[in-house]
Amino acid sequence: PAGRALAKNFESNKGKLDWPVKKGIVKLRYGTQPHPINRSLTIKSNGVRIATEKNAKVRAVFNGEVIRVVYMKNINPLVMIRHGNYITVYKNLSKVYVNEGDKVTTKQEIGEVFTNRITGETILSFSISKESSTQNPASWIYKMW
């Protein structure tokens, strides 16, 4: 019942959720679009990539429970948070402040975005899914156009 209530509450905030970082610009949008380098190709993005400032803190967009913290060789950590039957994923972190099983609240800092030492870019990959279907984050996050 609590999970169902959380999902209903999450749904009622469609278009009103806070950004996962305080400042940012969407560099890659959701969906099928031209490849950024080779325009004759297309890519399918299951989320968005947000460019932000160095040492930017990543924040949970809504109350939930951390269901996975993934550390893999040669890939920066990611955090998955369950909001009833919705899941938000925060990828390309340099630091993680939460553990699996932690309850988080809206705007709670869950980590820091990784900054690429070569390019100097600080980019968060962020996605939302309902069960197994991806959602367009721009439909959920306030003024993400």
Protein backbone atom coordinates (compact mmCIF):
# COMPACT_ATOMS: atom_id res chain seq x y z
CA PRO A 1 0.00 0.00 0.00
CA ALA A 2 2.79 2.47 0.81
CA GLY A 3 4.42 1.84 -2.58
CA ARG A 4 1.11 2.37 -4.37
CA ALA A 5 0.53 5.64 -2.48
CA LEU A 6 4.05 6.80 -3.34
CA ALA A 7 3.52 6.03 -7.03
CA LYS A 8 0.19 7.89 -7.03
CA ASN A 9 1.89 10.81 -5.32
CA PHE A 10 4.76 10.68 -7.85
CA GLU A 11 2.27 10.72 -10.74
CA SER A 12 0.44 13.72 -9.29
CA ASN A 13 3.71 15.68 -9.51
CA LYS A 14 4.17 15.16 -13.26
CA GLY A 15 5.72 18.34 -14.67
CA LYS A 16 6.46 19.68 -11.17
CA LEU A 17 9.43 17.61 -9.99
CA ASP A 18 12.64 19.44 -9.11
CA TRP A 19 15.74 19.08 -11.28
CA PRO A 20 18.26 16.46 -10.10
CA VAL A 21 20.93 19.21 -9.99
CA LYS A 22 20.57 22.88 -8.92
CA LYS A 23 21.92 24.30 -12.20
CA GLY A 24 22.02 22.59 -15.54
CA ILE A 25 21.43 22.57 -19.26
CA VAL A 26 20.04 19.57 -21.14
CA LYS A 27 22.72 18.48 -23.63
CA LEU A 28 21.00 15.34 -24.89
CA ARG A 29 17.23 14.98 -24.92
CA TYR A 30 15.06 11.89 -24.59
CA GLY A 31 14.04 9.87 -27.66
CA THR A 32 15.30 9.32 -31.18
CA GLN A 33 17.41 12.13 -32.59
CA PRO A 34 20.35 12.84 -34.89
CA HIS A 35 23.73 11.60 -33.66
CA PRO A 36 25.67 14.60 -32.24
CA ILE A 37 28.70 14.00 -34.49
CA ASN A 38 27.47 12.03 -37.51
CA ARG A 39 24.12 13.62 -38.47
CA SER A 40 23.34 10.82 -40.94
CA LEU A 41 22.89 8.46 -37.97
CA THR A 42 20.27 8.51 -35.25
CA ILE A 43 20.51 7.58 -31.60
CA LYS A 44 17.84 6.59 -29.11
CA SER A 45 18.21 8.16 -25.69
CA ASN A 46 16.32 6.57 -22.77
CA GLY A 47 16.91 9.66 -20.60
CA VAL A 48 18.58 13.05 -20.64
CA ARG A 49 22.13 14.25 -20.16
CA ILE A 50 22.45 17.40 -18.11
CA ALA A 51 25.60 19.53 -18.18
CA THR A 52 26.22 21.13 -14.80
CA GLU A 53 29.00 22.77 -12.79
CA LYS A 54 32.03 21.03 -11.30
CA ASN A 55 31.36 19.35 -7.91
CA ALA A 56 27.59 19.63 -8.51
CA LYS A 57 25.48 17.74 -5.99
CA VAL A 58 22.90 15.26 -7.30
CA ARG A 59 19.51 15.39 -5.59
CA ALA A 60 16.64 12.93 -5.43
CA VAL A 61 13.74 14.35 -7.46
CA PHE A 62 11.14 12.79 -5.13
CA ASN A 63 10.78 10.76 -1.93
CA GLY A 64 11.70 7.12 -2.39
CA GLU A 65 13.96 4.21 -1.51
CA VAL A 66 17.43 3.54 -2.89
CA ILE A 67 17.12 0.11 -4.55
CA ARG A 68 20.54 -0.10 -6.20
CA VAL A 69 23.93 1.56 -6.02
CA VAL A 70 26.02 0.17 -8.86
CA TYR A 71 29.80 0.24 -8.89
CA MET A 72 31.36 -1.37 -11.97
CA LYS A 73 34.89 -1.37 -13.30
CA ASN A 74 35.50 1.41 -15.87
CA ILE A 75 32.03 2.94 -15.31
CA ASN A 76 31.18 5.70 -12.86
CA PRO A 77 28.68 4.79 -10.12
CA LEU A 78 24.93 5.08 -10.55
CA VAL A 79 22.03 5.24 -8.09
CA MET A 80 18.51 3.88 -8.65
CA ILE A 81 15.61 5.15 -6.52
CA ARG A 82 12.17 3.54 -6.41
CA HIS A 83 9.09 5.78 -6.10
CA GLY A 84 6.32 3.16 -5.99
CA ASN A 85 6.22 1.67 -9.53
CA TYR A 86 8.52 4.43 -10.88
CA ILE A 87 12.30 4.38 -10.82
CA THR A 88 14.70 7.29 -11.30
CA VAL A 89 18.31 6.61 -12.30
CA TYR A 90 21.22 8.98 -11.70
CA LYS A 91 24.37 8.00 -13.66
CA ASN A 92 27.95 9.28 -13.95
CA LEU A 93 28.61 10.04 -10.30
CA SER A 94 31.99 10.64 -8.69
CA LYS A 95 30.72 10.23 -5.11
CA VAL A 96 27.68 8.44 -3.68
CA TYR A 97 26.21 9.50 -0.32
CA VAL A 98 23.49 6.82 -0.03
CA ASN A 99 23.27 3.05 0.33
CA GLU A 100 20.80 0.44 -0.86
CA GLY A 101 17.75 0.42 1.39
CA ASP A 102 18.08 4.10 2.40
CA LYS A 103 14.91 6.15 2.38
CA VAL A 104 15.46 9.50 0.64
CA THR A 105 13.45 12.69 0.52
CA THR A 106 12.86 15.23 -2.25
CA LYS A 107 16.00 17.34 -2.88
CA GLN A 108 18.15 15.14 -0.61
CA GLU A 109 21.73 15.05 -1.87
CA ILE A 110 22.57 11.52 -3.01
CA GLY A 111 25.99 12.12 -4.57
CA GLU A 112 28.16 14.29 -6.81
CA VAL A 113 28.41 14.40 -10.60
CA PHE A 114 31.68 13.19 -12.13
CA THR A 115 33.82 15.74 -14.00
CA ASN A 116 35.78 14.43 -16.97
CA ARG A 117 39.41 15.50 -16.45
CA ILE A 118 40.10 15.55 -20.21
CA THR A 119 37.04 17.45 -21.49
CA GLY A 120 36.26 19.33 -18.26
CA GLU A 121 32.59 18.41 -18.71
CA THR A 122 30.39 17.58 -15.74
CA ILE A 123 27.41 15.63 -17.11
CA LEU A 124 24.67 13.78 -15.25
CA SER A 125 22.70 11.09 -17.08
CA PHE A 126 19.18 10.98 -15.66
CA SER A 127 16.25 8.74 -16.55
CA ILE A 128 12.77 7.84 -15.33
CA SER A 129 10.89 4.62 -15.96
CA LYS A 130 7.52 3.18 -15.02
CA GLU A 131 7.81 -0.57 -14.66
CA SER A 132 9.79 -1.48 -17.81
CA SER A 133 8.90 1.52 -19.99
CA THR A 134 11.08 4.61 -20.14
CA GLN A 135 9.53 8.04 -19.63
CA ASN A 136 10.53 11.41 -21.05
CA PRO A 137 12.10 13.30 -18.11
CA ALA A 138 11.01 16.61 -19.69
CA SER A 139 7.39 15.57 -19.02
CA TRP A 140 8.17 15.18 -15.32
CA ILE A 141 10.79 17.80 -14.41
CA TYR A 142 9.69 21.41 -14.00
CA LYS A 143 10.63 23.51 -17.07
CA MET A 144 12.99 20.96 -18.63
CA TRP A 145 12.53 22.14 -22.23
